[in-house]
Amino acid sequence: PIRLRGPHRLFAFILLSTSSRCWALTLRSWDLCCTGPPVSTLPLTSAVHSGGFRATMSSTPTGEAKETDSLLQSRGYINGDKVVLFDGVCNLCNGWVDFVLSSKHGKNFKFAALQSEAGGALMLKFGRDPADLSSLVFIEADRLHIKSTAALKVMQQAGGVLVSSFASLALCIPTVVRDYVYSEVVAPNRYLLFGRKEVCRRPTTAEKSHFL
């Protein structure tokens, strides 16, 4: 597998995300962007709105909801935190975490592997399947974003002027087009192109305060 370091991983992700395949979508893609996805495709346990998924435990018994909140509090999660949930064995995803941590705004973010107890609890809190490792997840202001929107919002808030500007422009592209590239190009090929670790990432002593 190709090994890329530092910012090169970010630019590789950008290159993949802007693949020309996205422009091959038909006008139906633009139509979907305006009307939204079919109701049947929306998670039944999530309160959905244009800004992402709101936290909801409505489908979870009260005792389990309290247990989930208690676990998250014990791991350092506070409602309103900016949290990046990532595939802990994916080299591309770990490079993404390195990018955010090394940015001047890195101190504003917290992280958790999707495979971790805290990661699974957050997914459950927002009505998502804890076993779903197919997408980077970004939580902010009690909202959860997935796929291309999650990646671009992190870039927008963690990157420098150039990266942030690029992300802001990319967010203007219809979500259905961006997510097509994310789901069909980036996600299914991330292990093939960038490799994977045998075990989930373990934060260093310096990083521990940023991980749940």
N, C-alpha and C. Protein backbone atom coordinates (compact mmCIF):
# COMPACT_ATOMS: atom_id res chain seq x y z
N PRO A 1 0.83 -1.22 0.00
CA PRO A 1 0.00 0.00 0.00
C PRO A 1 0.86 1.26 0.00
N ILE A 2 0.30 2.33 -0.55
CA ILE A 2 1.02 3.61 -0.60
C ILE A 2 1.07 4.21 0.79
N ARG A 3 2.24 4.70 1.19
CA ARG A 3 2.37 5.33 2.51
C ARG A 3 2.58 6.82 2.33
N LEU A 4 1.68 7.62 2.80
CA LEU A 4 1.80 9.07 2.72
C LEU A 4 1.87 9.65 4.11
N ARG A 5 2.60 10.72 4.26
CA ARG A 5 2.78 11.33 5.57
C ARG A 5 2.25 12.75 5.59
N GLY A 6 1.93 13.18 6.81
CA GLY A 6 1.57 14.57 7.03
C GLY A 6 0.50 15.09 6.09
N PRO A 7 0.70 16.30 5.57
CA PRO A 7 -0.31 16.95 4.74
C PRO A 7 -0.60 16.22 3.44
N HIS A 8 0.32 15.34 3.00
CA HIS A 8 0.09 14.62 1.75
C HIS A 8 -1.16 13.76 1.83
N ARG A 9 -1.46 13.26 3.04
CA ARG A 9 -2.67 12.46 3.21
C ARG A 9 -3.90 13.31 2.99
N LEU A 10 -3.85 14.54 3.47
CA LEU A 10 -4.97 15.45 3.30
C LEU A 10 -5.20 15.73 1.82
N PHE A 11 -4.12 16.04 1.08
CA PHE A 11 -4.27 16.37 -0.33
C PHE A 11 -4.72 15.15 -1.13
N ALA A 12 -4.32 13.96 -0.70
CA ALA A 12 -4.78 12.74 -1.37
C ALA A 12 -6.28 12.60 -1.19
N PHE A 13 -6.74 12.90 0.00
CA PHE A 13 -8.18 12.83 0.27
C PHE A 13 -8.93 13.84 -0.59
N ILE A 14 -8.39 15.07 -0.68
CA ILE A 14 -9.02 16.11 -1.49
C ILE A 14 -9.09 15.68 -2.94
N LEU A 15 -7.99 15.08 -3.43
CA LEU A 15 -7.94 14.65 -4.82
C LEU A 15 -9.00 13.61 -5.10
N LEU A 16 -9.14 12.66 -4.19
CA LEU A 16 -10.15 11.62 -4.36
C LEU A 16 -11.55 12.21 -4.28
N SER A 17 -11.75 13.14 -3.35
CA SER A 17 -13.08 13.71 -3.13
C SER A 17 -13.56 14.54 -4.31
N THR A 18 -12.61 15.06 -5.09
CA THR A 18 -12.99 15.89 -6.23
C THR A 18 -12.85 15.12 -7.54
N SER A 19 -12.85 13.80 -7.42
CA SER A 19 -12.72 12.93 -8.59
C SER A 19 -13.76 13.30 -9.64
N SER A 20 -13.37 13.17 -10.88
CA SER A 20 -14.28 13.53 -11.97
C SER A 20 -15.51 12.64 -12.03
N ARG A 21 -15.48 11.51 -11.29
CA ARG A 21 -16.64 10.62 -11.31
C ARG A 21 -17.89 11.32 -10.80
N CYS A 22 -17.70 12.30 -9.89
CA CYS A 22 -18.88 12.96 -9.31
C CYS A 22 -19.66 13.74 -10.36
N TRP A 23 -18.97 14.22 -11.41
CA TRP A 23 -19.65 15.02 -12.42
C TRP A 23 -20.39 14.14 -13.42
N ALA A 24 -20.26 12.82 -13.29
CA ALA A 24 -20.95 11.91 -14.19
C ALA A 24 -22.37 11.63 -13.72
N LEU A 25 -22.74 12.13 -12.55
CA LEU A 25 -24.10 11.93 -12.06
C LEU A 25 -25.10 12.67 -12.95
N THR A 26 -26.29 12.17 -13.01
CA THR A 26 -27.33 12.78 -13.84
C THR A 26 -27.99 13.94 -13.11
N LEU A 27 -28.90 14.63 -13.84
CA LEU A 27 -29.60 15.76 -13.24
C LEU A 27 -30.44 15.32 -12.04
N ARG A 28 -30.71 14.02 -11.94
CA ARG A 28 -31.47 13.52 -10.79
C ARG A 28 -30.74 13.80 -9.49
N SER A 29 -29.42 13.84 -9.52
CA SER A 29 -28.63 14.13 -8.33
C SER A 29 -28.96 15.52 -7.81
N TRP A 30 -29.06 16.46 -8.74
CA TRP A 30 -29.38 17.83 -8.33
C TRP A 30 -30.81 17.89 -7.79
N ASP A 31 -31.67 17.08 -8.41
CA ASP A 31 -33.05 17.03 -7.96
C ASP A 31 -33.14 16.51 -6.54
N LEU A 32 -32.38 15.47 -6.25
CA LEU A 32 -32.36 14.89 -4.91
C LEU A 32 -31.83 15.89 -3.89
N CYS A 33 -30.86 16.69 -4.32
CA CYS A 33 -30.28 17.67 -3.41
C CYS A 33 -31.34 18.67 -2.95
N CYS A 34 -32.22 19.03 -3.89
CA CYS A 34 -33.25 20.02 -3.57
C CYS A 34 -34.39 19.42 -2.76
N THR A 35 -34.76 18.17 -3.09
CA THR A 35 -35.91 17.58 -2.43
C THR A 35 -35.56 16.75 -1.22
N GLY A 36 -34.26 16.36 -1.10
CA GLY A 36 -33.84 15.53 0.03
C GLY A 36 -34.01 14.07 -0.30
N PRO A 37 -33.36 13.16 0.44
CA PRO A 37 -33.46 11.74 0.18
C PRO A 37 -34.84 11.22 0.56
N PRO A 38 -35.22 10.05 0.00
CA PRO A 38 -36.50 9.46 0.36
C PRO A 38 -36.57 9.25 1.86
N VAL A 39 -37.77 9.38 2.42
CA VAL A 39 -37.94 9.24 3.86
C VAL A 39 -37.44 7.90 4.35
N SER A 40 -37.59 6.86 3.52
CA SER A 40 -37.20 5.52 3.94
C SER A 40 -35.71 5.37 4.16
N THR A 41 -34.90 6.31 3.62
CA THR A 41 -33.45 6.20 3.77
C THR A 41 -32.96 6.87 5.04
N LEU A 42 -33.82 7.59 5.76
CA LEU A 42 -33.41 8.31 6.94
C LEU A 42 -33.48 7.40 8.16
N PRO A 43 -32.46 7.44 9.04
CA PRO A 43 -32.48 6.60 10.23
C PRO A 43 -33.70 6.92 11.09
N LEU A 44 -34.45 5.88 11.48
CA LEU A 44 -35.68 6.09 12.23
C LEU A 44 -35.42 6.62 13.63
N THR A 45 -34.20 6.39 14.15
CA THR A 45 -33.92 6.78 15.52
C THR A 45 -33.31 8.16 15.62
N SER A 46 -33.14 8.84 14.48
CA SER A 46 -32.49 10.14 14.49
C SER A 46 -33.45 11.25 14.17
N ALA A 47 -33.28 12.39 14.85
CA ALA A 47 -34.02 13.59 14.49
C ALA A 47 -33.20 14.28 13.43
N VAL A 48 -33.67 14.29 12.19
CA VAL A 48 -32.87 14.76 11.07
C VAL A 48 -33.28 16.16 10.64
N HIS A 49 -32.29 16.98 10.33
CA HIS A 49 -32.55 18.31 9.81
C HIS A 49 -31.41 18.66 8.89
N SER A 50 -31.46 19.82 8.27
CA SER A 50 -30.48 20.17 7.25
C SER A 50 -29.07 20.27 7.79
N GLY A 51 -28.91 20.45 9.09
CA GLY A 51 -27.57 20.59 9.65
C GLY A 51 -26.97 19.31 10.16
N GLY A 52 -27.64 18.18 9.98
CA GLY A 52 -27.10 16.91 10.45
C GLY A 52 -28.09 16.20 11.35
N PHE A 53 -27.59 15.21 12.10
CA PHE A 53 -28.44 14.44 13.00
C PHE A 53 -28.36 15.02 14.41
N ARG A 54 -29.50 15.28 15.01
CA ARG A 54 -29.51 15.75 16.39
C ARG A 54 -29.43 14.56 17.33
N ALA A 55 -28.87 14.80 18.51
CA ALA A 55 -28.79 13.74 19.51
C ALA A 55 -30.19 13.32 19.90
N THR A 56 -30.40 12.01 19.95
CA THR A 56 -31.69 11.50 20.38
C THR A 56 -31.54 10.13 20.98
N MET A 57 -32.21 9.90 22.07
CA MET A 57 -32.21 8.59 22.70
C MET A 57 -33.65 8.11 22.84
N SER A 58 -34.54 8.64 21.99
CA SER A 58 -35.96 8.36 22.12
C SER A 58 -36.29 6.88 21.97
N SER A 59 -35.47 6.14 21.17
CA SER A 59 -35.76 4.75 20.95
C SER A 59 -35.04 3.86 21.95
N THR A 60 -34.31 4.48 22.87
CA THR A 60 -33.54 3.73 23.85
C THR A 60 -34.19 3.82 25.22
N PRO A 61 -34.27 2.71 25.95
CA PRO A 61 -34.85 2.76 27.30
C PRO A 61 -34.13 3.79 28.16
N THR A 62 -34.87 4.43 29.05
CA THR A 62 -34.32 5.49 29.89
C THR A 62 -33.07 5.04 30.63
N GLY A 63 -33.09 3.83 31.19
CA GLY A 63 -31.93 3.33 31.92
C GLY A 63 -30.70 3.24 31.05
N GLU A 64 -30.88 2.78 29.81
CA GLU A 64 -29.74 2.66 28.89
C GLU A 64 -29.24 4.02 28.46
N ALA A 65 -30.17 4.97 28.28
CA ALA A 65 -29.79 6.34 27.91
C ALA A 65 -28.93 6.96 29.00
N LYS A 66 -29.35 6.77 30.25
CA LYS A 66 -28.59 7.32 31.38
C LYS A 66 -27.22 6.66 31.47
N GLU A 67 -27.18 5.36 31.19
CA GLU A 67 -25.91 4.64 31.25
C GLU A 67 -24.96 5.14 30.17
N THR A 68 -25.51 5.41 28.98
CA THR A 68 -24.70 5.95 27.88
C THR A 68 -24.15 7.32 28.23
N ASP A 69 -25.02 8.20 28.75
CA ASP A 69 -24.58 9.54 29.13
C ASP A 69 -23.54 9.50 30.24
N SER A 70 -23.72 8.59 31.17
CA SER A 70 -22.77 8.44 32.28
C SER A 70 -21.41 8.00 31.77
N LEU A 71 -21.41 7.05 30.82
CA LEU A 71 -20.16 6.57 30.23
C LEU A 71 -19.43 7.70 29.52
N LEU A 72 -20.17 8.47 28.73
CA LEU A 72 -19.56 9.56 27.97
C LEU A 72 -19.00 10.64 28.89
N GLN A 73 -19.72 10.94 29.96
CA GLN A 73 -19.23 11.94 30.93
C GLN A 73 -17.95 11.45 31.59
N SER A 74 -17.90 10.16 31.89
CA SER A 74 -16.70 9.61 32.54
C SER A 74 -15.50 9.63 31.60
N ARG A 75 -15.76 9.66 30.30
CA ARG A 75 -14.67 9.71 29.31
C ARG A 75 -14.30 11.14 28.93
N GLY A 76 -14.99 12.11 29.52
CA GLY A 76 -14.64 13.50 29.26
C GLY A 76 -15.49 14.20 28.22
N TYR A 77 -16.59 13.58 27.80
CA TYR A 77 -17.44 14.22 26.81
C TYR A 77 -18.41 15.19 27.48
N ILE A 78 -18.51 16.38 26.90
CA ILE A 78 -19.45 17.39 27.37
C ILE A 78 -20.31 17.78 26.19
N ASN A 79 -21.63 17.88 26.40
CA ASN A 79 -22.51 18.29 25.31
C ASN A 79 -22.01 19.58 24.68
N GLY A 80 -21.91 19.58 23.37
CA GLY A 80 -21.40 20.75 22.67
C GLY A 80 -19.96 20.58 22.21
N ASP A 81 -19.28 19.54 22.71
CA ASP A 81 -17.90 19.28 22.28
C ASP A 81 -17.84 19.00 20.79
N LYS A 82 -16.71 19.38 20.18
CA LYS A 82 -16.45 19.00 18.79
C LYS A 82 -15.67 17.69 18.82
N VAL A 83 -16.28 16.64 18.29
CA VAL A 83 -15.67 15.31 18.36
C VAL A 83 -15.57 14.70 16.96
N VAL A 84 -14.39 14.17 16.65
CA VAL A 84 -14.18 13.44 15.40
C VAL A 84 -14.14 11.95 15.72
N LEU A 85 -15.06 11.19 15.13
CA LEU A 85 -15.06 9.74 15.27
C LEU A 85 -14.48 9.14 14.00
N PHE A 86 -13.50 8.26 14.15
CA PHE A 86 -12.78 7.75 12.98
C PHE A 86 -12.53 6.26 13.10
N ASP A 87 -12.26 5.63 11.97
CA ASP A 87 -11.92 4.22 11.93
C ASP A 87 -10.50 4.07 12.50
N GLY A 88 -10.40 3.46 13.67
CA GLY A 88 -9.12 3.41 14.37
C GLY A 88 -8.01 2.61 13.71
N VAL A 89 -8.34 1.74 12.75
CA VAL A 89 -7.31 0.94 12.09
C VAL A 89 -6.97 1.46 10.69
N CYS A 90 -7.69 2.48 10.23
CA CYS A 90 -7.49 3.03 8.88
C CYS A 90 -6.35 4.05 8.88
N ASN A 91 -5.35 3.83 8.04
CA ASN A 91 -4.22 4.76 7.97
C ASN A 91 -4.63 6.15 7.47
N LEU A 92 -5.57 6.20 6.52
CA LEU A 92 -6.05 7.49 6.02
C LEU A 92 -6.74 8.26 7.14
N CYS A 93 -7.59 7.54 7.89
CA CYS A 93 -8.33 8.19 8.98
C CYS A 93 -7.39 8.67 10.07
N ASN A 94 -6.37 7.87 10.39
CA ASN A 94 -5.39 8.27 11.40
C ASN A 94 -4.56 9.47 10.92
N GLY A 95 -4.30 9.52 9.62
CA GLY A 95 -3.61 10.68 9.06
C GLY A 95 -4.47 11.92 9.19
N TRP A 96 -5.78 11.73 9.05
CA TRP A 96 -6.72 12.83 9.20
C TRP A 96 -6.68 13.37 10.63
N VAL A 97 -6.62 12.48 11.59
CA VAL A 97 -6.54 12.87 13.00
C VAL A 97 -5.23 13.63 13.24
N ASP A 98 -4.14 13.14 12.67
CA ASP A 98 -2.85 13.83 12.81
C ASP A 98 -2.92 15.25 12.26
N PHE A 99 -3.60 15.39 11.12
CA PHE A 99 -3.75 16.70 10.50
C PHE A 99 -4.47 17.67 11.44
N VAL A 100 -5.57 17.21 12.02
CA VAL A 100 -6.36 18.07 12.91
C VAL A 100 -5.56 18.40 14.17
N LEU A 101 -4.91 17.39 14.76
CA LEU A 101 -4.15 17.61 15.99
C LEU A 101 -3.00 18.60 15.78
N SER A 102 -2.40 18.56 14.60
CA SER A 102 -1.25 19.43 14.34
C SER A 102 -1.65 20.84 13.92
N SER A 103 -2.94 21.06 13.68
CA SER A 103 -3.39 22.39 13.28
C SER A 103 -3.46 23.32 14.48
N LYS A 104 -3.50 24.60 14.23
CA LYS A 104 -3.52 25.57 15.33
C LYS A 104 -4.85 25.53 16.08
N HIS A 105 -5.85 24.91 15.45
CA HIS A 105 -7.16 24.79 16.10
C HIS A 105 -7.37 23.40 16.69
N GLY A 106 -6.33 22.58 16.68
CA GLY A 106 -6.45 21.20 17.13
C GLY A 106 -6.95 21.05 18.55
N LYS A 107 -6.62 22.02 19.39
CA LYS A 107 -7.02 21.95 20.81
C LYS A 107 -8.54 22.03 20.99
N ASN A 108 -9.25 22.45 19.94
CA ASN A 108 -10.70 22.59 20.04
C ASN A 108 -11.45 21.28 19.75
N PHE A 109 -10.71 20.24 19.37
CA PHE A 109 -11.34 18.99 18.97
C PHE A 109 -11.02 17.85 19.94
N LYS A 110 -11.96 16.90 20.03
CA LYS A 110 -11.72 15.65 20.74
C LYS A 110 -11.91 14.51 19.76
N PHE A 111 -11.37 13.35 20.09
CA PHE A 111 -11.39 12.23 19.15
C PHE A 111 -11.77 10.93 19.85
N ALA A 112 -12.30 10.01 19.06
CA ALA A 112 -12.56 8.65 19.55
C ALA A 112 -12.64 7.73 18.35
N ALA A 113 -12.07 6.55 18.46
CA ALA A 113 -12.19 5.56 17.39
C ALA A 113 -13.63 5.06 17.37
N LEU A 114 -14.15 4.80 16.20
CA LEU A 114 -15.51 4.27 16.08
C LEU A 114 -15.62 2.92 16.79
N GLN A 115 -14.50 2.19 16.85
CA GLN A 115 -14.50 0.87 17.48
C GLN A 115 -14.44 0.93 19.01
N SER A 116 -14.19 2.13 19.55
CA SER A 116 -14.03 2.26 21.00
C SER A 116 -15.39 2.32 21.70
N GLU A 117 -15.37 2.14 23.01
CA GLU A 117 -16.60 2.19 23.80
C GLU A 117 -17.23 3.58 23.72
N ALA A 118 -16.39 4.61 23.82
CA ALA A 118 -16.90 5.98 23.76
C ALA A 118 -17.46 6.29 22.37
N GLY A 119 -16.77 5.81 21.33
CA GLY A 119 -17.24 6.02 19.97
C GLY A 119 -18.59 5.37 19.73
N GLY A 120 -18.74 4.12 20.20
CA GLY A 120 -20.00 3.42 20.05
C GLY A 120 -21.13 4.10 20.82
N ALA A 121 -20.81 4.62 22.01
CA ALA A 121 -21.81 5.31 22.83
C ALA A 121 -22.29 6.59 22.15
N LEU A 122 -21.38 7.32 21.52
CA LEU A 122 -21.77 8.55 20.83
C LEU A 122 -22.63 8.23 19.61
N MET A 123 -22.28 7.18 18.89
CA MET A 123 -23.10 6.79 17.74
C MET A 123 -24.52 6.44 18.20
N LEU A 124 -24.61 5.71 19.29
CA LEU A 124 -25.91 5.34 19.83
C LEU A 124 -26.69 6.57 20.28
N LYS A 125 -26.00 7.49 20.90
CA LYS A 125 -26.64 8.73 21.39
C LYS A 125 -27.29 9.51 20.25
N PHE A 126 -26.67 9.45 19.06
CA PHE A 126 -27.18 10.18 17.91
C PHE A 126 -28.01 9.30 16.98
N GLY A 127 -28.41 8.12 17.48
CA GLY A 127 -29.28 7.26 16.69
C GLY A 127 -28.63 6.57 15.52
N ARG A 128 -27.29 6.42 15.56
CA ARG A 128 -26.57 5.75 14.49
C ARG A 128 -26.17 4.34 14.92
N ASP A 129 -25.90 3.49 13.96
CA ASP A 129 -25.50 2.12 14.24
C ASP A 129 -24.05 2.11 14.72
N PRO A 130 -23.78 1.68 15.96
CA PRO A 130 -22.41 1.67 16.49
C PRO A 130 -21.45 0.78 15.69
N ALA A 131 -22.00 -0.17 14.93
CA ALA A 131 -21.17 -1.08 14.15
C ALA A 131 -20.80 -0.51 12.78
N ASP A 132 -21.34 0.65 12.43
CA ASP A 132 -21.09 1.25 11.11
C ASP A 132 -19.75 1.98 11.10
N LEU A 133 -18.78 1.43 10.38
CA LEU A 133 -17.44 2.04 10.30
C LEU A 133 -17.20 2.68 8.93
N SER A 134 -18.25 2.86 8.16
CA SER A 134 -18.10 3.27 6.76
C SER A 134 -17.83 4.76 6.56
N SER A 135 -17.94 5.55 7.63
CA SER A 135 -17.81 6.99 7.44
C SER A 135 -17.12 7.68 8.60
N LEU A 136 -16.34 8.70 8.25
CA LEU A 136 -15.84 9.63 9.27
C LEU A 136 -17.06 10.34 9.85
N VAL A 137 -17.03 10.62 11.14
CA VAL A 137 -18.15 11.28 11.80
C VAL A 137 -17.64 12.53 12.53
N PHE A 138 -18.38 13.62 12.40
CA PHE A 138 -18.01 14.85 13.10
C PHE A 138 -19.22 15.33 13.89
N ILE A 139 -19.02 15.51 15.20
CA ILE A 139 -20.09 15.98 16.08
C ILE A 139 -19.75 17.39 16.56
N GLU A 140 -20.68 18.29 16.43
CA GLU A 140 -20.50 19.66 16.92
C GLU A 140 -21.85 20.24 17.28
N ALA A 141 -21.88 21.04 18.34
CA ALA A 141 -23.11 21.73 18.76
C ALA A 141 -24.31 20.78 18.80
N ASP A 142 -24.08 19.58 19.34
CA ASP A 142 -25.16 18.60 19.50
C ASP A 142 -25.73 18.12 18.17
N ARG A 143 -24.92 18.18 17.10
CA ARG A 143 -25.32 17.67 15.80
C ARG A 143 -24.24 16.73 15.27
N LEU A 144 -24.66 15.73 14.51
CA LEU A 144 -23.73 14.76 13.96
C LEU A 144 -23.73 14.86 12.44
N HIS A 145 -22.52 14.94 11.85
CA HIS A 145 -22.36 14.98 10.40
C HIS A 145 -21.58 13.75 9.95
N ILE A 146 -21.90 13.25 8.75
CA ILE A 146 -21.22 12.07 8.25
C ILE A 146 -20.69 12.32 6.83
N LYS A 147 -19.91 11.36 6.36
CA LYS A 147 -19.38 11.33 4.99
C LYS A 147 -18.68 12.64 4.61
N SER A 148 -18.93 13.14 3.40
CA SER A 148 -18.18 14.30 2.90
C SER A 148 -18.42 15.55 3.74
N THR A 149 -19.63 15.70 4.26
CA THR A 149 -19.92 16.89 5.07
C THR A 149 -19.08 16.89 6.34
N ALA A 150 -18.92 15.73 6.95
CA ALA A 150 -18.09 15.63 8.16
C ALA A 150 -16.65 16.02 7.85
N ALA A 151 -16.10 15.45 6.79
CA ALA A 151 -14.71 15.73 6.42
C ALA A 151 -14.48 17.20 6.09
N LEU A 152 -15.40 17.77 5.32
CA LEU A 152 -15.24 19.17 4.90
C LEU A 152 -15.45 20.15 6.04
N LYS A 153 -16.35 19.85 6.95
CA LYS A 153 -16.56 20.74 8.10
C LYS A 153 -15.34 20.74 9.02
N VAL A 154 -14.70 19.58 9.17
CA VAL A 154 -13.47 19.52 9.96
C VAL A 154 -12.39 20.34 9.28
N MET A 155 -12.25 20.17 7.96
CA MET A 155 -11.25 20.94 7.21
C MET A 155 -11.52 22.44 7.35
N GLN A 156 -12.78 22.81 7.28
CA GLN A 156 -13.17 24.21 7.35
C GLN A 156 -12.77 24.84 8.68
N GLN A 157 -12.88 24.06 9.75
CA GLN A 157 -12.62 24.60 11.08
C GLN A 157 -11.20 24.37 11.58
N ALA A 158 -10.52 23.38 11.04
CA ALA A 158 -9.17 23.07 11.51
C ALA A 158 -8.07 23.55 10.58
N GLY A 159 -8.40 23.73 9.31
CA GLY A 159 -7.37 24.09 8.33
C GLY A 159 -6.98 25.55 8.35
N GLY A 160 -5.91 25.84 7.63
CA GLY A 160 -5.48 27.22 7.46
C GLY A 160 -6.39 27.92 6.47
N VAL A 161 -6.02 29.11 6.06
CA VAL A 161 -6.86 29.90 5.17
C VAL A 161 -7.16 29.17 3.87
N LEU A 162 -6.12 28.57 3.26
CA LEU A 162 -6.28 27.89 1.98
C LEU A 162 -7.20 26.68 2.09
N VAL A 163 -6.92 25.82 3.07
CA VAL A 163 -7.70 24.60 3.26
C VAL A 163 -9.14 24.94 3.66
N SER A 164 -9.27 25.90 4.55
CA SER A 164 -10.60 26.31 5.02
C SER A 164 -11.43 26.87 3.86
N SER A 165 -10.80 27.67 3.01
CA SER A 165 -11.51 28.26 1.86
C SER A 165 -11.94 27.18 0.89
N PHE A 166 -11.03 26.20 0.65
CA PHE A 166 -11.37 25.09 -0.23
C PHE A 166 -12.59 24.33 0.30
N ALA A 167 -12.58 24.05 1.61
CA ALA A 167 -13.68 23.30 2.23
C ALA A 167 -14.99 24.06 2.11
N SER A 168 -14.94 25.37 2.32
CA SER A 168 -16.16 26.18 2.23
C SER A 168 -16.75 26.14 0.82
N LEU A 169 -15.87 26.18 -0.19
CA LEU A 169 -16.34 26.11 -1.57
C LEU A 169 -16.90 24.72 -1.88
N ALA A 170 -16.19 23.69 -1.40
CA ALA A 170 -16.62 22.31 -1.66
C ALA A 170 -17.97 22.01 -1.03
N LEU A 171 -18.26 22.65 0.11
CA LEU A 171 -19.55 22.43 0.78
C LEU A 171 -20.72 22.99 -0.05
N CYS A 172 -20.40 23.82 -1.03
CA CYS A 172 -21.45 24.37 -1.91
C CYS A 172 -21.87 23.34 -2.96
N ILE A 173 -21.04 22.32 -3.18
CA ILE A 173 -21.40 21.25 -4.11
C ILE A 173 -22.53 20.44 -3.48
N PRO A 174 -23.54 20.07 -4.25
CA PRO A 174 -24.66 19.30 -3.69
C PRO A 174 -24.18 18.09 -2.89
N THR A 175 -24.77 17.89 -1.74
CA THR A 175 -24.37 16.80 -0.85
C THR A 175 -24.42 15.45 -1.55
N VAL A 176 -25.43 15.22 -2.36
CA VAL A 176 -25.57 13.93 -3.02
C VAL A 176 -24.39 13.64 -3.94
N VAL A 177 -23.82 14.68 -4.55
CA VAL A 177 -22.66 14.51 -5.43
C VAL A 177 -21.42 14.21 -4.60
N ARG A 178 -21.22 15.02 -3.53
CA ARG A 178 -20.05 14.81 -2.67
C ARG A 178 -20.06 13.44 -2.02
N ASP A 179 -21.24 13.05 -1.53
CA ASP A 179 -21.35 11.77 -0.83
C ASP A 179 -21.21 10.59 -1.78
N TYR A 180 -21.56 10.78 -3.04
CA TYR A 180 -21.36 9.73 -4.03
C TYR A 180 -19.87 9.42 -4.15
N VAL A 181 -19.07 10.46 -4.25
CA VAL A 181 -17.62 10.27 -4.36
C VAL A 181 -17.07 9.65 -3.07
N TYR A 182 -17.54 10.14 -1.95
CA TYR A 182 -17.06 9.62 -0.66
C TYR A 182 -17.38 8.14 -0.53
N SER A 183 -18.63 7.77 -0.84
CA SER A 183 -19.08 6.39 -0.65
C SER A 183 -18.58 5.43 -1.71
N GLU A 184 -18.39 5.92 -2.95
CA GLU A 184 -18.01 5.04 -4.05
C GLU A 184 -16.52 5.03 -4.36
N VAL A 185 -15.81 6.09 -3.96
CA VAL A 185 -14.38 6.18 -4.27
C VAL A 185 -13.50 6.10 -3.03
N VAL A 186 -13.77 6.96 -2.07
CA VAL A 186 -12.89 7.07 -0.90
C VAL A 186 -13.06 5.90 0.07
N ALA A 187 -14.25 5.75 0.63
CA ALA A 187 -14.48 4.76 1.69
C ALA A 187 -14.13 3.33 1.30
N PRO A 188 -14.59 2.82 0.14
CA PRO A 188 -14.32 1.42 -0.18
C PRO A 188 -12.87 1.13 -0.55
N ASN A 189 -12.09 2.17 -0.85
CA ASN A 189 -10.70 1.95 -1.29
C ASN A 189 -9.66 2.43 -0.28
N ARG A 190 -10.09 2.87 0.90
CA ARG A 190 -9.14 3.48 1.83
C ARG A 190 -8.09 2.49 2.34
N TYR A 191 -8.47 1.26 2.58
CA TYR A 191 -7.49 0.26 3.03
C TYR A 191 -6.54 -0.11 1.91
N LEU A 192 -7.08 -0.25 0.69
CA LEU A 192 -6.27 -0.63 -0.46
C LEU A 192 -5.21 0.43 -0.77
N LEU A 193 -5.60 1.69 -0.73
CA LEU A 193 -4.69 2.78 -1.10
C LEU A 193 -3.74 3.18 0.03
N PHE A 194 -4.21 3.14 1.26
CA PHE A 194 -3.41 3.67 2.37
C PHE A 194 -3.03 2.63 3.42
N GLY A 195 -3.58 1.43 3.30
CA GLY A 195 -3.24 0.39 4.27
C GLY A 195 -4.03 0.52 5.56
N ARG A 196 -3.80 -0.44 6.46
CA ARG A 196 -4.51 -0.42 7.74
C ARG A 196 -3.61 -0.96 8.84
N LYS A 197 -3.94 -0.60 10.07
CA LYS A 197 -3.19 -1.06 11.23
C LYS A 197 -3.78 -2.37 11.74
N GLU A 198 -2.98 -3.11 12.50
CA GLU A 198 -3.47 -4.36 13.07
C GLU A 198 -4.39 -4.10 14.26
N VAL A 199 -4.12 -3.01 14.99
CA VAL A 199 -4.94 -2.67 16.15
C VAL A 199 -5.30 -1.19 16.07
N CYS A 200 -6.32 -0.80 16.82
CA CYS A 200 -6.75 0.60 16.83
C CYS A 200 -5.66 1.52 17.39
N ARG A 201 -5.69 2.73 16.94
CA ARG A 201 -4.73 3.73 17.40
C ARG A 201 -4.82 3.93 18.91
N ARG A 202 -3.66 4.02 19.54
CA ARG A 202 -3.60 4.33 20.96
C ARG A 202 -2.94 5.69 21.12
N PRO A 203 -3.62 6.65 21.72
CA PRO A 203 -3.06 8.00 21.83
C PRO A 203 -1.79 8.02 22.68
N THR A 204 -0.88 8.89 22.30
CA THR A 204 0.35 9.07 23.08
C THR A 204 0.01 9.85 24.34
N THR A 205 0.97 9.98 25.22
CA THR A 205 0.75 10.74 26.46
C THR A 205 0.31 12.17 26.15
N ALA A 206 0.93 12.77 25.14
CA ALA A 206 0.62 14.15 24.77
C ALA A 206 -0.77 14.28 24.17
N GLU A 207 -1.28 13.18 23.57
CA GLU A 207 -2.57 13.22 22.90
C GLU A 207 -3.75 12.83 23.79
N LYS A 208 -3.47 12.22 24.92
CA LYS A 208 -4.53 11.62 25.74
C LYS A 208 -5.65 12.60 26.13
N SER A 209 -5.30 13.83 26.36
CA SER A 209 -6.33 14.80 26.77
C SER A 209 -7.32 15.11 25.65
N HIS A 210 -6.96 14.72 24.42
CA HIS A 210 -7.84 14.97 23.27
C HIS A 210 -8.71 13.76 22.93
N PHE A 211 -8.45 12.62 23.57
CA PHE A 211 -9.18 11.40 23.23
C PHE A 211 -10.16 11.02 24.34
N LEU A 212 -11.35 10.59 23.93
CA LEU A 212 -12.38 10.16 24.89
C LEU A 212 -12.13 8.72 25.32
